[in-house]
Amino acid sequence: MDNEYMEAIAQAKANLEEVRERGVEALISWDEIEAKYFTPEEIAASDLRVAMMIELAHTQDDNDISQHELEPLLLS
């Protein structure tokens, strides 16, 4: 194993130990991560994609349509 890999492993172990020591304080919510790393536009686009996928899944369930049967409807 090369030196860079070994250093990354050592850093990961140190990070894990820090998380263990801090306990619950080390945890952050997805909303905090999302707000820190994504723009409002990216968040809105992601939320829209999720809503569309959920609606497709509900439509499949409600109408007993398989993924294979649904694909031609989406592509037309």
PDB file of N, CA and C in Angstrom:
ATOM      1  N   MET A   1       0.846  -1.184   0.000  1.00  0.00           N
ATOM      2  CA  MET A   1       0.000   0.000   0.000  1.00  0.00           C
ATOM      3  C   MET A   1       0.886   1.240   0.000  1.00  0.00           C
ATOM      4  N   ASP A   2       0.483   2.228  -0.765  1.00  0.00           N
ATOM      5  CA  ASP A   2       1.312   3.422  -0.828  1.00  0.00           C
ATOM      6  C   ASP A   2       1.085   4.333   0.379  1.00  0.00           C
ATOM      7  N   ASN A   3       1.973   5.286   0.523  1.00  0.00           N
ATOM      8  CA  ASN A   3       1.968   6.183   1.674  1.00  0.00           C
ATOM      9  C   ASN A   3       0.683   7.018   1.742  1.00  0.00           C
ATOM     10  N   GLU A   4       0.216   7.505   0.609  1.00  0.00           N
ATOM     11  CA  GLU A   4      -1.004   8.333   0.585  1.00  0.00           C
ATOM     12  C   GLU A   4      -2.209   7.544   1.102  1.00  0.00           C
ATOM     13  N   TYR A   5      -2.308   6.291   0.711  1.00  0.00           N
ATOM     14  CA  TYR A   5      -3.390   5.427   1.169  1.00  0.00           C
ATOM     15  C   TYR A   5      -3.309   5.222   2.680  1.00  0.00           C
ATOM     16  N   MET A   6      -2.114   4.948   3.177  1.00  0.00           N
ATOM     17  CA  MET A   6      -1.928   4.725   4.613  1.00  0.00           C
ATOM     18  C   MET A   6      -2.270   5.984   5.408  1.00  0.00           C
ATOM     19  N   GLU A   7      -1.911   7.155   4.891  1.00  0.00           N
ATOM     20  CA  GLU A   7      -2.245   8.411   5.563  1.00  0.00           C
ATOM     21  C   GLU A   7      -3.757   8.624   5.585  1.00  0.00           C
ATOM     22  N   ALA A   8      -4.436   8.278   4.484  1.00  0.00           N
ATOM     23  CA  ALA A   8      -5.894   8.431   4.418  1.00  0.00           C
ATOM     24  C   ALA A   8      -6.568   7.503   5.429  1.00  0.00           C
ATOM     25  N   ILE A   9      -6.064   6.298   5.567  1.00  0.00           N
ATOM     26  CA  ILE A   9      -6.602   5.346   6.542  1.00  0.00           C
ATOM     27  C   ILE A   9      -6.401   5.882   7.960  1.00  0.00           C
ATOM     28  N   ALA A  10      -5.218   6.404   8.242  1.00  0.00           N
ATOM     29  CA  ALA A  10      -4.929   6.949   9.570  1.00  0.00           C
ATOM     30  C   ALA A  10      -5.849   8.132   9.865  1.00  0.00           C
ATOM     31  N   GLN A  11      -6.083   9.006   8.872  1.00  0.00           N
ATOM     32  CA  GLN A  11      -6.962  10.153   9.068  1.00  0.00           C
ATOM     33  C   GLN A  11      -8.395   9.696   9.306  1.00  0.00           C
ATOM     34  N   ALA A  12      -8.848   8.698   8.567  1.00  0.00           N
ATOM     35  CA  ALA A  12     -10.202   8.170   8.749  1.00  0.00           C
ATOM     36  C   ALA A  12     -10.371   7.595  10.151  1.00  0.00           C
ATOM     37  N   LYS A  13      -9.372   6.883  10.627  1.00  0.00           N
ATOM     38  CA  LYS A  13      -9.431   6.323  11.986  1.00  0.00           C
ATOM     39  C   LYS A  13      -9.475   7.432  13.029  1.00  0.00           C
ATOM     40  N   ALA A  14      -8.685   8.491  12.826  1.00  0.00           N
ATOM     41  CA  ALA A  14      -8.690   9.622  13.756  1.00  0.00           C
ATOM     42  C   ALA A  14     -10.050  10.317  13.745  1.00  0.00           C
ATOM     43  N   ASN A  15     -10.623  10.480  12.553  1.00  0.00           N
ATOM     44  CA  ASN A  15     -11.943  11.102  12.449  1.00  0.00           C
ATOM     45  C   ASN A  15     -13.000  10.265  13.156  1.00  0.00           C
ATOM     46  N   LEU A  16     -12.934   8.967  12.975  1.00  0.00           N
ATOM     47  CA  LEU A  16     -13.888   8.070  13.621  1.00  0.00           C
ATOM     48  C   LEU A  16     -13.766   8.152  15.137  1.00  0.00           C
ATOM     49  N   GLU A  17     -12.559   8.195  15.626  1.00  0.00           N
ATOM     50  CA  GLU A  17     -12.348   8.303  17.068  1.00  0.00           C
ATOM     51  C   GLU A  17     -12.920   9.617  17.599  1.00  0.00           C
ATOM     52  N   GLU A  18     -12.731  10.697  16.838  1.00  0.00           N
ATOM     53  CA  GLU A  18     -13.276  11.991  17.253  1.00  0.00           C
ATOM     54  C   GLU A  18     -14.806  11.937  17.320  1.00  0.00           C
ATOM     55  N   VAL A  19     -15.419  11.311  16.335  1.00  0.00           N
ATOM     56  CA  VAL A  19     -16.879  11.175  16.320  1.00  0.00           C
ATOM     57  C   VAL A  19     -17.337  10.364  17.521  1.00  0.00           C
ATOM     58  N   ARG A  20     -16.629   9.300  17.824  1.00  0.00           N
ATOM     59  CA  ARG A  20     -16.987   8.472  18.987  1.00  0.00           C
ATOM     60  C   ARG A  20     -16.908   9.276  20.284  1.00  0.00           C
ATOM     61  N   GLU A  21     -15.870  10.110  20.401  1.00  0.00           N
ATOM     62  CA  GLU A  21     -15.698  10.920  21.604  1.00  0.00           C
ATOM     63  C   GLU A  21     -16.787  11.987  21.730  1.00  0.00           C
ATOM     64  N   ARG A  22     -17.152  12.608  20.617  1.00  0.00           N
ATOM     65  CA  ARG A  22     -18.151  13.673  20.644  1.00  0.00           C
ATOM     66  C   ARG A  22     -19.569  13.133  20.743  1.00  0.00           C
ATOM     67  N   GLY A  23     -19.763  11.896  20.342  1.00  0.00           N
ATOM     68  CA  GLY A  23     -21.087  11.280  20.432  1.00  0.00           C
ATOM     69  C   GLY A  23     -22.111  11.999  19.562  1.00  0.00           C
ATOM     70  N   VAL A  24     -23.285  12.221  20.124  1.00  0.00           N
ATOM     71  CA  VAL A  24     -24.403  12.806  19.393  1.00  0.00           C
ATOM     72  C   VAL A  24     -24.062  14.197  18.859  1.00  0.00           C
ATOM     73  N   GLU A  25     -23.201  14.922  19.539  1.00  0.00           N
ATOM     74  CA  GLU A  25     -22.798  16.254  19.087  1.00  0.00           C
ATOM     75  C   GLU A  25     -22.185  16.223  17.684  1.00  0.00           C
ATOM     76  N   ALA A  26     -21.593  15.094  17.305  1.00  0.00           N
ATOM     77  CA  ALA A  26     -20.920  14.984  16.018  1.00  0.00           C
ATOM     78  C   ALA A  26     -21.908  14.829  14.865  1.00  0.00           C
ATOM     79  N   LEU A  27     -23.129  14.491  15.179  1.00  0.00           N
ATOM     80  CA  LEU A  27     -24.120  14.251  14.145  1.00  0.00           C
ATOM     81  C   LEU A  27     -24.736  15.553  13.666  1.00  0.00           C
ATOM     82  N   ILE A  28     -24.922  15.658  12.346  1.00  0.00           N
ATOM     83  CA  ILE A  28     -25.644  16.797  11.789  1.00  0.00           C
ATOM     84  C   ILE A  28     -26.737  16.263  10.877  1.00  0.00           C
ATOM     85  N   SER A  29     -27.759  17.041  10.706  1.00  0.00           N
ATOM     86  CA  SER A  29     -28.899  16.573   9.915  1.00  0.00           C
ATOM     87  C   SER A  29     -28.627  16.741   8.429  1.00  0.00           C
ATOM     88  N   TRP A  30     -29.407  16.017   7.624  1.00  0.00           N
ATOM     89  CA  TRP A  30     -29.300  16.165   6.176  1.00  0.00           C
ATOM     90  C   TRP A  30     -29.644  17.597   5.778  1.00  0.00           C
ATOM     91  N   ASP A  31     -30.603  18.218   6.435  1.00  0.00           N
ATOM     92  CA  ASP A  31     -30.972  19.595   6.111  1.00  0.00           C
ATOM     93  C   ASP A  31     -29.784  20.541   6.298  1.00  0.00           C
ATOM     94  N   GLU A  32     -28.982  20.311   7.337  1.00  0.00           N
ATOM     95  CA  GLU A  32     -27.794  21.139   7.563  1.00  0.00           C
ATOM     96  C   GLU A  32     -26.752  20.925   6.468  1.00  0.00           C
ATOM     97  N   ILE A  33     -26.551  19.675   6.084  1.00  0.00           N
ATOM     98  CA  ILE A  33     -25.601  19.362   5.013  1.00  0.00           C
ATOM     99  C   ILE A  33     -26.082  19.980   3.703  1.00  0.00           C
ATOM    100  N   GLU A  34     -27.349  19.789   3.414  1.00  0.00           N
ATOM    101  CA  GLU A  34     -27.935  20.299   2.179  1.00  0.00           C
ATOM    102  C   GLU A  34     -27.774  21.820   2.091  1.00  0.00           C
ATOM    103  N   ALA A  35     -28.093  22.525   3.172  1.00  0.00           N
ATOM    104  CA  ALA A  35     -28.002  23.987   3.182  1.00  0.00           C
ATOM    105  C   ALA A  35     -26.554  24.463   3.032  1.00  0.00           C
ATOM    106  N   LYS A  36     -25.612  23.685   3.549  1.00  0.00           N
ATOM    107  CA  LYS A  36     -24.210  24.082   3.505  1.00  0.00           C
ATOM    108  C   LYS A  36     -23.590  23.891   2.126  1.00  0.00           C
ATOM    109  N   TYR A  37     -23.980  22.818   1.417  1.00  0.00           N
ATOM    110  CA  TYR A  37     -23.284  22.445   0.192  1.00  0.00           C
ATOM    111  C   TYR A  37     -24.072  22.666  -1.099  1.00  0.00           C
ATOM    112  N   PHE A  38     -25.360  22.959  -1.007  1.00  0.00           N
ATOM    113  CA  PHE A  38     -26.175  23.105  -2.214  1.00  0.00           C
ATOM    114  C   PHE A  38     -26.852  24.463  -2.251  1.00  0.00           C
ATOM    115  N   THR A  39     -27.039  24.971  -3.460  1.00  0.00           N
ATOM    116  CA  THR A  39     -27.750  26.238  -3.626  1.00  0.00           C
ATOM    117  C   THR A  39     -29.247  25.982  -3.489  1.00  0.00           C
ATOM    118  N   PRO A  40     -30.029  27.034  -3.220  1.00  0.00           N
ATOM    119  CA  PRO A  40     -31.484  26.853  -3.161  1.00  0.00           C
ATOM    120  C   PRO A  40     -32.049  26.274  -4.460  1.00  0.00           C
ATOM    121  N   GLU A  41     -31.466  26.650  -5.585  1.00  0.00           N
ATOM    122  CA  GLU A  41     -31.937  26.118  -6.874  1.00  0.00           C
ATOM    123  C   GLU A  41     -31.665  24.624  -6.990  1.00  0.00           C
ATOM    124  N   GLU A  42     -30.499  24.181  -6.536  1.00  0.00           N
ATOM    125  CA  GLU A  42     -30.170  22.753  -6.571  1.00  0.00           C
ATOM    126  C   GLU A  42     -31.086  21.961  -5.644  1.00  0.00           C
ATOM    127  N   ILE A  43     -31.380  22.528  -4.498  1.00  0.00           N
ATOM    128  CA  ILE A  43     -32.274  21.863  -3.552  1.00  0.00           C
ATOM    129  C   ILE A  43     -33.672  21.745  -4.147  1.00  0.00           C
ATOM    130  N   ALA A  44     -34.154  22.817  -4.763  1.00  0.00           N
ATOM    131  CA  ALA A  44     -35.486  22.792  -5.377  1.00  0.00           C
ATOM    132  C   ALA A  44     -35.544  21.773  -6.507  1.00  0.00           C
ATOM    133  N   ALA A  45     -34.503  21.713  -7.334  1.00  0.00           N
ATOM    134  CA  ALA A  45     -34.474  20.747  -8.432  1.00  0.00           C
ATOM    135  C   ALA A  45     -34.466  19.314  -7.896  1.00  0.00           C
ATOM    136  N   SER A  46     -33.705  19.083  -6.841  1.00  0.00           N
ATOM    137  CA  SER A  46     -33.661  17.757  -6.230  1.00  0.00           C
ATOM    138  C   SER A  46     -35.015  17.387  -5.632  1.00  0.00           C
ATOM    139  N   ASP A  47     -35.627  18.333  -4.941  1.00  0.00           N
ATOM    140  CA  ASP A  47     -36.956  18.085  -4.350  1.00  0.00           C
ATOM    141  C   ASP A  47     -37.975  17.748  -5.432  1.00  0.00           C
ATOM    142  N   LEU A  48     -37.889  18.439  -6.572  1.00  0.00           N
ATOM    143  CA  LEU A  48     -38.809  18.164  -7.675  1.00  0.00           C
ATOM    144  C   LEU A  48     -38.597  16.759  -8.231  1.00  0.00           C
ATOM    145  N   ARG A  49     -37.329  16.363  -8.403  1.00  0.00           N
ATOM    146  CA  ARG A  49     -37.044  15.004  -8.898  1.00  0.00           C
ATOM    147  C   ARG A  49     -37.602  13.952  -7.938  1.00  0.00           C
ATOM    148  N   VAL A  50     -37.414  14.170  -6.654  1.00  0.00           N
ATOM    149  CA  VAL A  50     -37.917  13.227  -5.652  1.00  0.00           C
ATOM    150  C   VAL A  50     -39.441  13.153  -5.719  1.00  0.00           C
ATOM    151  N   ALA A  51     -40.097  14.306  -5.804  1.00  0.00           N
ATOM    152  CA  ALA A  51     -41.561  14.326  -5.875  1.00  0.00           C
ATOM    153  C   ALA A  51     -42.059  13.583  -7.118  1.00  0.00           C
ATOM    154  N   MET A  52     -41.362  13.763  -8.234  1.00  0.00           N
ATOM    155  CA  MET A  52     -41.755  13.065  -9.464  1.00  0.00           C
ATOM    156  C   MET A  52     -41.585  11.559  -9.325  1.00  0.00           C
ATOM    157  N   MET A  53     -40.487  11.124  -8.718  1.00  0.00           N
ATOM    158  CA  MET A  53     -40.259   9.688  -8.538  1.00  0.00           C
ATOM    159  C   MET A  53     -41.300   9.080  -7.596  1.00  0.00           C
ATOM    160  N   ILE A  54     -41.639   9.808  -6.549  1.00  0.00           N
ATOM    161  CA  ILE A  54     -42.657   9.322  -5.617  1.00  0.00           C
ATOM    162  C   ILE A  54     -43.999   9.210  -6.324  1.00  0.00           C
ATOM    163  N   GLU A  55     -44.346  10.211  -7.122  1.00  0.00           N
ATOM    164  CA  GLU A  55     -45.609  10.181  -7.857  1.00  0.00           C
ATOM    165  C   GLU A  55     -45.640   9.017  -8.843  1.00  0.00           C
ATOM    166  N   LEU A  56     -44.526   8.767  -9.521  1.00  0.00           N
ATOM    167  CA  LEU A  56     -44.459   7.617 -10.430  1.00  0.00           C
ATOM    168  C   LEU A  56     -44.655   6.312  -9.678  1.00  0.00           C
ATOM    169  N   ALA A  57     -44.024   6.182  -8.529  1.00  0.00           N
ATOM    170  CA  ALA A  57     -44.168   4.961  -7.736  1.00  0.00           C
ATOM    171  C   ALA A  57     -45.611   4.785  -7.280  1.00  0.00           C
ATOM    172  N   HIS A  58     -46.248   5.864  -6.853  1.00  0.00           N
ATOM    173  CA  HIS A  58     -47.650   5.773  -6.433  1.00  0.00           C
ATOM    174  C   HIS A  58     -48.549   5.398  -7.613  1.00  0.00           C
ATOM    175  N   THR A  59     -48.276   5.987  -8.771  1.00  0.00           N
ATOM    176  CA  THR A  59     -49.056   5.668  -9.969  1.00  0.00           C
ATOM    177  C   THR A  59     -48.903   4.200 -10.332  1.00  0.00           C
ATOM    178  N   GLN A  60     -47.683   3.698 -10.250  1.00  0.00           N
ATOM    179  CA  GLN A  60     -47.457   2.283 -10.532  1.00  0.00           C
ATOM    180  C   GLN A  60     -48.243   1.413  -9.558  1.00  0.00           C
ATOM    181  N   ASP A  61     -48.168   1.733  -8.289  1.00  0.00           N
ATOM    182  CA  ASP A  61     -48.874   0.951  -7.277  1.00  0.00           C
ATOM    183  C   ASP A  61     -50.388   1.030  -7.455  1.00  0.00           C
ATOM    184  N   ASP A  62     -50.892   2.250  -7.662  1.00  0.00           N
ATOM    185  CA  ASP A  62     -52.333   2.447  -7.773  1.00  0.00           C
ATOM    186  C   ASP A  62     -52.932   1.763  -8.993  1.00  0.00           C
ATOM    187  N   ASN A  63     -52.147   1.661 -10.061  1.00  0.00           N
ATOM    188  CA  ASN A  63     -52.656   1.102 -11.312  1.00  0.00           C
ATOM    189  C   ASN A  63     -52.065  -0.260 -11.645  1.00  0.00           C
ATOM    190  N   ASP A  64     -51.309  -0.815 -10.711  1.00  0.00           N
ATOM    191  CA  ASP A  64     -50.682  -2.125 -10.896  1.00  0.00           C
ATOM    192  C   ASP A  64     -49.917  -2.193 -12.219  1.00  0.00           C
ATOM    193  N   ILE A  65     -49.050  -1.183 -12.433  1.00  0.00           N
ATOM    194  CA  ILE A  65     -48.245  -1.094 -13.657  1.00  0.00           C
ATOM    195  C   ILE A  65     -46.802  -1.422 -13.300  1.00  0.00           C
ATOM    196  N   SER A  66     -46.185  -2.294 -14.083  1.00  0.00           N
ATOM    197  CA  SER A  66     -44.783  -2.633 -13.845  1.00  0.00           C
ATOM    198  C   SER A  66     -43.881  -1.547 -14.430  1.00  0.00           C
ATOM    199  N   GLN A  67     -42.626  -1.548 -14.031  1.00  0.00           N
ATOM    200  CA  GLN A  67     -41.659  -0.601 -14.590  1.00  0.00           C
ATOM    201  C   GLN A  67     -41.558  -0.788 -16.092  1.00  0.00           C
ATOM    202  N   HIS A  68     -41.567  -2.028 -16.534  1.00  0.00           N
ATOM    203  CA  HIS A  68     -41.487  -2.344 -17.961  1.00  0.00           C
ATOM    204  C   HIS A  68     -42.685  -1.758 -18.716  1.00  0.00           C
ATOM    205  N   GLU A  69     -43.861  -1.834 -18.141  1.00  0.00           N
ATOM    206  CA  GLU A  69     -45.050  -1.284 -18.786  1.00  0.00           C
ATOM    207  C   GLU A  69     -45.078   0.240 -18.734  1.00  0.00           C
ATOM    208  N   LEU A  70     -44.462   0.815 -17.719  1.00  0.00           N
ATOM    209  CA  LEU A  70     -44.483   2.266 -17.541  1.00  0.00           C
ATOM    210  C   LEU A  70     -43.526   2.988 -18.490  1.00  0.00           C
ATOM    211  N   GLU A  71     -42.398   2.369 -18.821  1.00  0.00           N
ATOM    212  CA  GLU A  71     -41.383   3.020 -19.639  1.00  0.00           C
ATOM    213  C   GLU A  71     -41.923   3.573 -20.976  1.00  0.00           C
ATOM    214  N   PRO A  72     -42.714   2.817 -21.752  1.00  0.00           N
ATOM    215  CA  PRO A  72     -43.211   3.385 -23.005  1.00  0.00           C
ATOM    216  C   PRO A  72     -44.095   4.626 -22.790  1.00  0.00           C
ATOM    217  N   LEU A  73     -44.812   4.650 -21.671  1.00  0.00           N
ATOM    218  CA  LEU A  73     -45.669   5.805 -21.384  1.00  0.00           C
ATOM    219  C   LEU A  73     -44.836   7.047 -21.108  1.00  0.00           C
ATOM    220  N   LEU A  74     -43.699   6.860 -20.465  1.00  0.00           N
ATOM    221  CA  LEU A  74     -42.823   7.981 -20.126  1.00  0.00           C
ATOM    222  C   LEU A  74     -42.058   8.481 -21.334  1.00  0.00           C
ATOM    223  N   LEU A  75     -41.750   7.608 -22.243  1.00  0.00           N
ATOM    224  CA  LEU A  75     -40.927   7.958 -23.410  1.00  0.00           C
ATOM    225  C   LEU A  75     -41.747   8.512 -24.565  1.00  0.00           C
ATOM    226  N   SER A  76     -43.068   8.447 -24.487  1.00  0.00           N
ATOM    227  CA  SER A  76     -43.884   8.939 -25.601  1.00  0.00           C
ATOM    228  C   SER A  76     -44.229  10.401 -25.446  1.00  0.00           C
TER     229      SER A  76
END
